[in-house]
Amino acid sequence: MTRLPFIKALAVAALFAGLPLAATPAFAHAELKSAVPAVGATVPPPAPTELKLSFSEPIELAFTKVVVKGEDGQPVDLGKLALDPADASTLVVPIAASLPTGTITVEWTAVADDGHKSKGSYTLSISN
């Protein structure tokens, strides 16, 4: 019986043991997990005075933006964005003006703590 296959297997195992298992770090993007009012919701009166956007990871407030538009495409006046004091992955969006009835579009750009930027949008409806 020859020992050559065993020696070859041992040499290959030794070679791979010297390589790092994860050559590149994993980078994530802050993706929208949920919103209040919910994505696609129909909201009865009174219209909300703030939105809460919950992301998959903590976000950097200084580099995060939100635009809210009515059906006519006109932006709605917003207050100063803030992070939920209890959760750095939840963005609080104060609405400074009354939301118009109809379909509202929320466009967001978020930057995660690791510096990666993501963006998206969703709609909800404000009923009479």
C-alpha atoms as a PDB file:
ATOM      1  CA  MET A   1       0.000   0.000   0.000  1.00  0.00           C
ATOM      2  CA  THR A   2       1.375   3.386  -0.980  1.00  0.00           C
ATOM      3  CA  ARG A   3       1.360   6.480   1.222  1.00  0.00           C
ATOM      4  CA  LEU A   4       1.445   8.927  -1.715  1.00  0.00           C
ATOM      5  CA  PRO A   5      -2.331   9.779  -1.753  1.00  0.00           C
ATOM      6  CA  PHE A   6      -2.222  10.413   1.998  1.00  0.00           C
ATOM      7  CA  ILE A   7       0.808  12.695   1.657  1.00  0.00           C
ATOM      8  CA  LYS A   8      -0.804  14.617  -1.232  1.00  0.00           C
ATOM      9  CA  ALA A   9      -4.001  15.088   0.780  1.00  0.00           C
ATOM     10  CA  LEU A  10      -1.979  16.296   3.753  1.00  0.00           C
ATOM     11  CA  ALA A  11      -0.067  18.790   1.582  1.00  0.00           C
ATOM     12  CA  VAL A  12      -3.296  20.171   0.061  1.00  0.00           C
ATOM     13  CA  ALA A  13      -4.858  20.504   3.520  1.00  0.00           C
ATOM     14  CA  ALA A  14      -1.790  22.352   4.786  1.00  0.00           C
ATOM     15  CA  LEU A  15      -1.908  24.715   1.797  1.00  0.00           C
ATOM     16  CA  PHE A  16      -5.582  25.601   2.328  1.00  0.00           C
ATOM     17  CA  ALA A  17      -5.114  25.959   6.082  1.00  0.00           C
ATOM     18  CA  GLY A  18      -2.835  28.913   5.417  1.00  0.00           C
ATOM     19  CA  LEU A  19      -5.473  30.828   3.413  1.00  0.00           C
ATOM     20  CA  PRO A  20      -7.875  33.161   5.191  1.00  0.00           C
ATOM     21  CA  LEU A  21     -11.437  31.891   5.148  1.00  0.00           C
ATOM     22  CA  ALA A  22     -12.958  35.301   4.451  1.00  0.00           C
ATOM     23  CA  ALA A  23     -10.764  37.295   2.125  1.00  0.00           C
ATOM     24  CA  THR A  24     -13.124  40.265   1.879  1.00  0.00           C
ATOM     25  CA  PRO A  25     -15.238  41.826   4.596  1.00  0.00           C
ATOM     26  CA  ALA A  26     -19.007  41.711   4.284  1.00  0.00           C
ATOM     27  CA  PHE A  27     -20.584  45.101   3.617  1.00  0.00           C
ATOM     28  CA  ALA A  28     -24.269  45.722   4.068  1.00  0.00           C
ATOM     29  CA  HIS A  29     -26.605  48.467   3.008  1.00  0.00           C
ATOM     30  CA  ALA A  30     -29.308  49.993   5.156  1.00  0.00           C
ATOM     31  CA  GLU A  31     -32.528  48.719   3.596  1.00  0.00           C
ATOM     32  CA  LEU A  32     -35.996  49.820   4.609  1.00  0.00           C
ATOM     33  CA  LYS A  33     -37.563  47.117   6.803  1.00  0.00           C
ATOM     34  CA  SER A  34     -40.808  48.863   7.737  1.00  0.00           C
ATOM     35  CA  ALA A  35     -42.515  52.214   7.972  1.00  0.00           C
ATOM     36  CA  VAL A  36     -45.224  53.864  10.068  1.00  0.00           C
ATOM     37  CA  PRO A  37     -47.674  54.420   8.469  1.00  0.00           C
ATOM     38  CA  ALA A  38     -46.983  51.184   6.631  1.00  0.00           C
ATOM     39  CA  VAL A  39     -45.797  50.964   3.036  1.00  0.00           C
ATOM     40  CA  GLY A  40     -48.883  50.905   0.785  1.00  0.00           C
ATOM     41  CA  ALA A  41     -51.266  51.768   3.648  1.00  0.00           C
ATOM     42  CA  THR A  42     -54.416  53.835   3.289  1.00  0.00           C
ATOM     43  CA  VAL A  43     -54.456  56.281   6.174  1.00  0.00           C
ATOM     44  CA  PRO A  44     -57.781  57.717   7.359  1.00  0.00           C
ATOM     45  CA  PRO A  45     -57.999  61.265   8.761  1.00  0.00           C
ATOM     46  CA  PRO A  46     -56.309  62.835  10.516  1.00  0.00           C
ATOM     47  CA  ALA A  47     -53.172  62.654   8.362  1.00  0.00           C
ATOM     48  CA  PRO A  48     -50.031  61.655  10.265  1.00  0.00           C
ATOM     49  CA  THR A  49     -47.740  64.374  11.570  1.00  0.00           C
ATOM     50  CA  GLU A  50     -44.660  62.197  11.287  1.00  0.00           C
ATOM     51  CA  LEU A  51     -43.320  59.143   9.507  1.00  0.00           C
ATOM     52  CA  LYS A  52     -41.048  56.499  11.007  1.00  0.00           C
ATOM     53  CA  LEU A  53     -38.747  54.581   8.693  1.00  0.00           C
ATOM     54  CA  SER A  54     -37.030  51.528  10.190  1.00  0.00           C
ATOM     55  CA  PHE A  55     -33.897  50.298   8.461  1.00  0.00           C
ATOM     56  CA  SER A  56     -32.001  47.021   8.624  1.00  0.00           C
ATOM     57  CA  GLU A  57     -29.076  48.651  10.430  1.00  0.00           C
ATOM     58  CA  PRO A  58     -28.132  51.936  12.137  1.00  0.00           C
ATOM     59  CA  ILE A  59     -27.909  54.938   9.832  1.00  0.00           C
ATOM     60  CA  GLU A  60     -25.901  58.150   9.735  1.00  0.00           C
ATOM     61  CA  LEU A  61     -28.370  61.004  10.163  1.00  0.00           C
ATOM     62  CA  ALA A  62     -26.087  63.648   8.621  1.00  0.00           C
ATOM     63  CA  PHE A  63     -26.084  61.845   5.258  1.00  0.00           C
ATOM     64  CA  THR A  64     -29.685  60.613   5.211  1.00  0.00           C
ATOM     65  CA  LYS A  65     -32.406  62.411   3.233  1.00  0.00           C
ATOM     66  CA  VAL A  66     -36.171  62.073   2.806  1.00  0.00           C
ATOM     67  CA  VAL A  67     -38.479  63.775   0.332  1.00  0.00           C
ATOM     68  CA  VAL A  68     -42.259  63.420   0.636  1.00  0.00           C
ATOM     69  CA  LYS A  69     -44.372  64.350  -2.409  1.00  0.00           C
ATOM     70  CA  GLY A  70     -48.085  64.663  -2.996  1.00  0.00           C
ATOM     71  CA  GLU A  71     -49.920  63.342  -6.065  1.00  0.00           C
ATOM     72  CA  ASP A  72     -49.045  66.539  -7.901  1.00  0.00           C
ATOM     73  CA  GLY A  73     -45.335  65.806  -7.418  1.00  0.00           C
ATOM     74  CA  GLN A  74     -44.846  68.814  -5.161  1.00  0.00           C
ATOM     75  CA  PRO A  75     -42.680  68.279  -2.084  1.00  0.00           C
ATOM     76  CA  VAL A  76     -44.322  68.481   1.332  1.00  0.00           C
ATOM     77  CA  ASP A  77     -42.612  70.628   3.970  1.00  0.00           C
ATOM     78  CA  LEU A  78     -40.787  68.478   6.494  1.00  0.00           C
ATOM     79  CA  GLY A  79     -39.252  69.216   9.868  1.00  0.00           C
ATOM     80  CA  LYS A  80     -35.749  68.267  10.929  1.00  0.00           C
ATOM     81  CA  LEU A  81     -35.011  64.543  10.557  1.00  0.00           C
ATOM     82  CA  ALA A  82     -34.061  62.703  13.738  1.00  0.00           C
ATOM     83  CA  LEU A  83     -33.101  59.237  14.863  1.00  0.00           C
ATOM     84  CA  ASP A  84     -35.348  57.470  17.336  1.00  0.00           C
ATOM     85  CA  PRO A  85     -33.526  57.879  20.678  1.00  0.00           C
ATOM     86  CA  ALA A  86     -34.143  54.200  21.459  1.00  0.00           C
ATOM     87  CA  ASP A  87     -33.097  52.841  18.044  1.00  0.00           C
ATOM     88  CA  ALA A  88     -30.434  54.310  15.710  1.00  0.00           C
ATOM     89  CA  SER A  89     -31.895  52.329  12.802  1.00  0.00           C
ATOM     90  CA  THR A  90     -35.256  54.161  12.966  1.00  0.00           C
ATOM     91  CA  LEU A  91     -35.577  57.559  11.302  1.00  0.00           C
ATOM     92  CA  VAL A  92     -38.266  59.992  12.480  1.00  0.00           C
ATOM     93  CA  VAL A  93     -39.547  62.320   9.754  1.00  0.00           C
ATOM     94  CA  PRO A  94     -41.660  65.205  11.140  1.00  0.00           C
ATOM     95  CA  ILE A  95     -44.206  66.576   8.674  1.00  0.00           C
ATOM     96  CA  ALA A  96     -44.309  70.380   8.979  1.00  0.00           C
ATOM     97  CA  ALA A  97     -47.284  70.901   6.655  1.00  0.00           C
ATOM     98  CA  SER A  98     -50.498  68.931   6.397  1.00  0.00           C
ATOM     99  CA  LEU A  99     -50.243  65.965   4.054  1.00  0.00           C
ATOM    100  CA  PRO A 100     -52.542  66.312   1.056  1.00  0.00           C
ATOM    101  CA  THR A 101     -55.129  63.622   0.370  1.00  0.00           C
ATOM    102  CA  GLY A 102     -54.333  61.080  -2.319  1.00  0.00           C
ATOM    103  CA  THR A 103     -51.191  59.107  -3.037  1.00  0.00           C
ATOM    104  CA  ILE A 104     -48.081  60.213  -1.184  1.00  0.00           C
ATOM    105  CA  THR A 105     -44.607  59.194  -2.342  1.00  0.00           C
ATOM    106  CA  VAL A 106     -41.793  58.876   0.178  1.00  0.00           C
ATOM    107  CA  GLU A 107     -38.295  58.891  -1.346  1.00  0.00           C
ATOM    108  CA  TRP A 108     -35.377  58.095   0.951  1.00  0.00           C
ATOM    109  CA  THR A 109     -31.620  57.964   0.785  1.00  0.00           C
ATOM    110  CA  ALA A 110     -29.870  56.391   3.758  1.00  0.00           C
ATOM    111  CA  VAL A 111     -26.226  55.968   4.607  1.00  0.00           C
ATOM    112  CA  ALA A 112     -25.382  53.097   6.929  1.00  0.00           C
ATOM    113  CA  ASP A 113     -22.840  53.360   9.740  1.00  0.00           C
ATOM    114  CA  ASP A 114     -20.344  51.599   7.464  1.00  0.00           C
ATOM    115  CA  GLY A 115     -20.702  54.403   4.882  1.00  0.00           C
ATOM    116  CA  HIS A 116     -22.693  52.493   2.271  1.00  0.00           C
ATOM    117  CA  LYS A 117     -25.517  54.420   0.609  1.00  0.00           C
ATOM    118  CA  SER A 118     -28.882  52.982  -0.376  1.00  0.00           C
ATOM    119  CA  LYS A 119     -32.070  54.543  -1.622  1.00  0.00           C
ATOM    120  CA  GLY A 120     -35.644  53.686  -2.364  1.00  0.00           C
ATOM    121  CA  SER A 121     -39.204  54.910  -2.342  1.00  0.00           C
ATOM    122  CA  TYR A 122     -42.684  53.787  -1.432  1.00  0.00           C
ATOM    123  CA  THR A 123     -46.216  55.093  -1.525  1.00  0.00           C
ATOM    124  CA  LEU A 124     -49.129  55.358   0.845  1.00  0.00           C
ATOM    125  CA  SER A 125     -52.555  56.944   0.516  1.00  0.00           C
ATOM    126  CA  ILE A 126     -54.137  59.650   2.609  1.00  0.00           C
ATOM    127  CA  SER A 127     -57.939  59.351   2.481  1.00  0.00           C
ATOM    128  CA  ASN A 128     -60.506  62.135   2.938  1.00  0.00           C
END
